[in-house]
Protein backbone atom coordinates (compact mmCIF):
# COMPACT_ATOMS: atom_id res chain seq x y z
CA MET A 1 54.24 28.74 28.93
CA SER A 2 52.12 30.81 31.33
CA LEU A 3 50.97 29.87 34.81
CA ILE A 4 47.48 31.02 35.87
CA LEU A 5 46.02 31.20 39.39
CA LEU A 6 42.31 30.36 39.54
CA THR A 7 40.61 31.53 42.74
CA ARG A 8 36.92 30.64 42.43
CA PRO A 9 35.42 27.89 44.64
CA LEU A 10 36.90 24.51 43.78
CA GLU A 11 34.14 23.18 41.51
CA ASP A 12 33.94 26.46 39.57
CA SER A 13 37.73 26.72 39.20
CA ARG A 14 37.92 23.17 37.89
CA ARG A 15 35.30 24.06 35.29
CA ILE A 16 37.31 27.11 34.20
CA ALA A 17 40.45 24.96 33.94
CA ASP A 18 38.53 22.46 31.80
CA LEU A 19 37.27 25.28 29.57
CA LEU A 20 40.81 26.48 29.01
CA ILE A 21 41.98 22.99 28.13
CA GLY A 22 38.91 22.34 26.00
CA GLU A 23 39.64 25.34 23.79
CA GLY A 24 42.90 23.76 22.73
CA ASP A 25 45.78 25.54 24.41
CA GLU A 26 48.71 25.24 22.00
CA THR A 27 50.97 27.41 24.19
CA GLY A 28 51.04 24.89 27.03
CA ASN A 29 49.52 27.24 29.60
CA ASP A 30 48.86 25.69 32.99
CA SER A 31 46.76 26.63 36.00
CA LEU A 32 46.80 26.14 39.75
CA ILE A 33 43.72 26.45 41.96
CA TRP A 34 43.42 28.28 45.26
CA PRO A 35 39.73 28.59 46.17
CA LEU A 36 39.61 31.79 48.21
CA PHE A 37 36.17 30.80 49.48
CA ARG A 38 34.22 27.59 49.80
CA ILE A 39 30.45 27.45 49.44
CA ASP A 40 28.45 26.06 52.37
CA ARG A 41 24.73 25.34 52.13
CA VAL A 42 22.41 27.17 54.51
CA ILE A 43 19.05 25.72 55.52
CA SER A 44 16.53 28.54 55.42
CA LYS A 45 14.76 29.00 58.76
CA ASP A 46 12.15 31.34 57.32
CA PRO A 47 8.98 29.88 55.79
CA TRP A 48 8.96 29.68 52.03
CA PRO A 49 6.53 32.20 50.53
CA ALA A 50 3.47 30.84 48.79
CA SER A 51 1.95 31.74 45.42
CA LEU A 52 5.21 32.61 43.73
CA ASP A 53 5.36 33.57 40.07
CA ALA A 54 9.08 33.02 39.40
CA LEU A 55 12.55 32.50 40.82
CA LEU A 56 15.13 35.26 40.54
CA ILE A 57 18.61 33.73 40.30
CA THR A 58 21.87 35.66 40.51
CA SER A 59 24.27 32.71 40.84
CA ALA A 60 24.51 28.99 40.25
CA HIS A 61 24.96 28.56 44.01
CA GLY A 62 21.55 30.15 44.55
CA ILE A 63 19.64 27.76 42.31
CA ARG A 64 21.59 24.78 43.69
CA GLY A 65 20.76 25.83 47.24
CA PHE A 66 17.08 26.25 46.41
CA ALA A 67 16.90 22.91 44.58
CA ALA A 68 18.48 21.12 47.54
CA GLN A 69 15.62 22.29 49.79
CA ARG A 70 12.61 22.34 47.49
CA GLU A 71 11.34 19.59 45.19
CA ALA A 72 9.18 21.76 42.93
CA ARG A 73 10.62 22.45 39.49
CA ASP A 74 7.64 24.12 37.84
CA LEU A 75 8.40 27.80 38.50
CA PRO A 76 9.90 29.96 35.74
CA VAL A 77 13.55 30.71 36.52
CA LEU A 78 14.91 34.14 35.59
CA CYS A 79 18.71 33.86 35.56
CA VAL A 80 21.44 36.48 35.41
CA GLY A 81 23.39 34.62 32.72
CA ALA A 82 23.60 31.62 30.42
CA ARG A 83 25.77 29.57 32.78
CA THR A 84 23.28 29.97 35.64
CA ALA A 85 20.41 29.07 33.32
CA SER A 86 22.32 25.94 32.22
CA VAL A 87 22.77 24.88 35.86
CA ALA A 88 19.04 25.42 36.48
CA ARG A 89 18.13 23.24 33.49
CA GLY A 90 20.50 20.56 34.73
CA LEU A 91 18.63 20.55 38.04
CA GLY A 92 15.33 19.91 36.28
CA PHE A 93 13.96 23.43 35.79
CA LYS A 94 12.56 23.47 32.25
CA ASN A 95 11.26 27.03 32.04
CA THR A 96 14.51 29.00 32.29
CA PHE A 97 15.49 32.39 30.90
CA SER A 98 18.84 34.19 30.78
CA ALA A 99 19.35 37.95 31.04
CA ASN A 100 22.84 37.49 29.54
CA GLY A 101 24.23 40.28 31.68
CA ASP A 102 24.45 41.52 35.24
CA ALA A 103 21.99 42.19 38.06
CA SER A 104 20.71 45.28 36.28
CA ALA A 105 19.92 43.23 33.17
CA LEU A 106 18.20 40.63 35.35
CA ALA A 107 16.05 43.33 36.96
CA ASP A 108 15.07 44.59 33.49
CA MET A 109 14.06 41.07 32.44
CA ALA A 110 12.05 40.63 35.65
CA ARG A 111 10.17 43.87 34.96
CA LEU A 112 9.17 42.60 31.53
CA SER A 113 8.28 39.09 32.72
CA GLY A 114 4.91 39.94 34.23
CA ALA A 115 5.85 38.11 37.44
CA ARG A 116 4.59 39.91 40.53
CA ARG A 117 5.92 37.72 43.36
CA LEU A 118 9.50 36.50 42.97
CA LEU A 119 11.82 34.50 45.20
CA HIS A 120 15.54 35.28 45.24
CA PRO A 121 17.54 32.38 46.76
CA CYS A 122 20.83 34.07 47.60
CA GLY A 123 24.02 34.07 49.63
CA ARG A 124 24.33 35.44 53.13
CA GLU A 125 26.13 38.46 51.71
CA THR A 126 24.62 40.03 48.61
CA THR A 127 25.49 43.00 46.45
CA GLY A 128 22.97 45.29 44.81
CA ASP A 129 19.31 45.65 45.66
CA LEU A 130 17.06 43.63 43.37
CA ALA A 131 14.06 44.09 45.64
CA GLY A 132 14.51 47.84 45.61
CA ALA A 133 15.00 47.90 41.85
CA LEU A 134 11.65 46.16 41.29
CA VAL A 135 9.53 47.83 43.94
CA ARG A 136 8.74 50.74 41.64
CA THR A 137 6.94 48.38 39.28
CA GLY A 138 4.90 46.85 42.11
CA GLN A 139 6.83 43.58 42.16
CA LYS A 140 7.60 41.83 45.44
CA VAL A 141 10.94 40.06 45.90
CA PHE A 142 11.36 37.59 48.78
CA GLN A 143 14.95 36.77 49.74
CA ARG A 144 15.97 33.48 51.32
CA VAL A 145 19.58 32.70 52.24
CA VAL A 146 20.51 29.26 50.90
CA TYR A 147 24.33 29.42 50.92
CA GLU A 148 27.26 31.32 52.33
CA ALA A 149 30.82 31.86 51.16
CA VAL A 150 33.38 30.99 53.83
CA PRO A 151 37.11 31.79 53.59
CA ALA A 152 38.84 28.58 52.58
CA GLY A 153 42.15 29.15 54.32
CA PRO A 154 45.78 29.56 53.18
CA PRO A 155 46.98 28.60 49.71
CA PRO A 156 47.92 24.98 49.01
CA SER A 157 51.66 24.27 49.03
CA PRO A 158 52.15 24.38 45.22
CA VAL A 159 50.32 27.73 45.03
CA LEU A 160 52.30 29.16 47.95
CA ALA A 161 55.58 28.12 46.37
CA ALA A 162 54.59 29.70 43.05
CA LEU A 163 53.58 32.93 44.80
CA ARG A 164 56.89 33.14 46.63
CA ARG A 165 59.00 32.64 43.51
CA GLY A 166 56.90 34.93 41.31
CA ALA A 167 55.84 32.14 38.97
CA PHE A 168 52.31 33.31 38.15
CA ASP A 169 51.76 35.20 34.91
CA ALA A 170 48.07 35.79 35.62
CA VAL A 171 45.94 35.90 38.77
CA THR A 172 42.16 35.84 38.42
CA ILE A 173 39.65 37.57 40.68
CA TRP A 174 35.89 37.09 40.49
CA SER A 175 34.22 39.46 42.98
CA PRO A 176 35.00 42.47 45.18
CA ARG A 177 34.71 40.33 48.30
CA ASN A 178 37.24 37.80 46.98
CA ALA A 179 39.52 40.69 46.03
CA ARG A 180 39.38 42.16 49.53
CA TYR A 181 40.26 38.78 51.03
CA LEU A 182 43.15 38.26 48.59
CA ALA A 183 44.45 41.77 49.31
CA GLU A 184 44.49 40.95 53.03
CA ARG A 185 46.39 37.71 52.39
CA ILE A 186 48.93 39.50 50.18
CA GLY A 187 49.49 42.13 52.84
CA ALA A 188 49.88 39.55 55.61
CA ALA A 189 52.27 37.35 53.62
CA GLY A 190 54.85 39.98 52.75
CA ASP A 191 56.97 37.65 50.59
CA TRP A 192 54.72 36.97 47.59
CA VAL A 193 56.15 38.16 44.27
CA LEU A 194 53.48 39.53 41.93
CA GLY A 195 55.48 41.93 39.79
CA GLN A 196 55.22 39.88 36.62
CA ALA A 197 51.59 38.81 37.06
CA THR A 198 48.62 40.41 35.32
CA LEU A 199 45.49 40.72 37.45
CA ILE A 200 42.50 39.51 35.43
CA ALA A 201 39.26 40.76 37.01
CA ILE A 202 35.64 40.02 36.19
CA SER A 203 34.77 43.71 36.69
CA GLN A 204 36.38 47.01 37.57
CA ALA A 205 34.72 46.82 40.99
CA ALA A 206 36.33 43.43 41.61
CA ALA A 207 39.74 44.83 40.71
CA GLY A 208 39.45 47.82 43.05
CA PRO A 209 40.61 46.28 46.36
CA LEU A 210 43.78 44.96 44.65
CA GLY A 211 44.81 48.24 43.05
CA LYS A 212 47.97 48.61 45.18
CA SER A 213 48.95 44.97 45.49
CA GLY A 214 51.88 45.04 43.08
CA PHE A 215 50.50 43.40 39.94
CA SER A 216 52.23 44.36 36.69
CA ALA A 217 49.01 45.07 34.79
CA LEU A 218 45.24 44.86 34.97
CA ARG A 219 42.90 43.25 32.45
CA VAL A 220 39.16 43.60 33.08
CA ALA A 221 36.90 41.08 31.32
CA ASP A 222 34.71 42.48 28.55
CA ALA A 223 31.60 41.16 30.33
CA PRO A 224 30.94 39.97 33.90
CA ASN A 225 30.79 36.24 33.12
CA ALA A 226 32.98 33.16 32.97
CA ASN A 227 33.23 33.04 29.17
CA ALA A 228 34.56 36.60 29.06
CA MET A 229 37.03 35.73 31.81
CA VAL A 230 38.27 32.71 29.87
CA ALA A 231 38.72 34.93 26.81
CA ALA A 232 40.67 37.46 28.88
CA ILE A 233 42.90 34.72 30.33
CA ARG A 234 43.71 33.40 26.88
CA GLU A 235 44.41 36.92 25.58
CA VAL A 236 46.77 37.75 28.44
CA CYS A 237 48.57 34.39 28.24
CA ALA A 238 48.75 34.15 24.44
């Protein structure tokens, strides 16, 4: 039996845990959740741009934040991946498209879409430069902050106990920012035992800040999405 630490925000980690169970885990693997960050909604103080052609969505939190503030559901929604597109459809957006990749794939899809004025509902801290990537094709990207990730505090008691006794076989990390925060917590704690745990990272960039944190091995997901992470978890814990 393997013990897995899930570190996404609570709702997302619960969904990953359900996916693992839903695939039929005959080995009896179990998971504990420590959300490194919580997601808080941000009410945009800037006016919403008019005459938009499409929404540009890089996370489920972005489309949720937009939908909480705007009633319109008629704009095409260009999404970074299938999961984000599924969330958009669940919120009532019918005209959704998935780039099935990363921000670069989303920018490529936006170039081919014919949309000239796009809105990117995003977090307070973003990575990459979608606006800059599309400016060469004459497309205008408006950014509006609709959520922010806030450190969620110390690990719950069961997670802390497992960290101290070295019980985790796998620890998941989902972004460079989360990795930096976890590295800080590991350094401050001093008594967490990670020598038998494999670090499972959504990308090489996400793994970087934890390179000297004492994990026994590193497994980077084959693609930067939740399904690839679930596959990596099951491979490591088989």
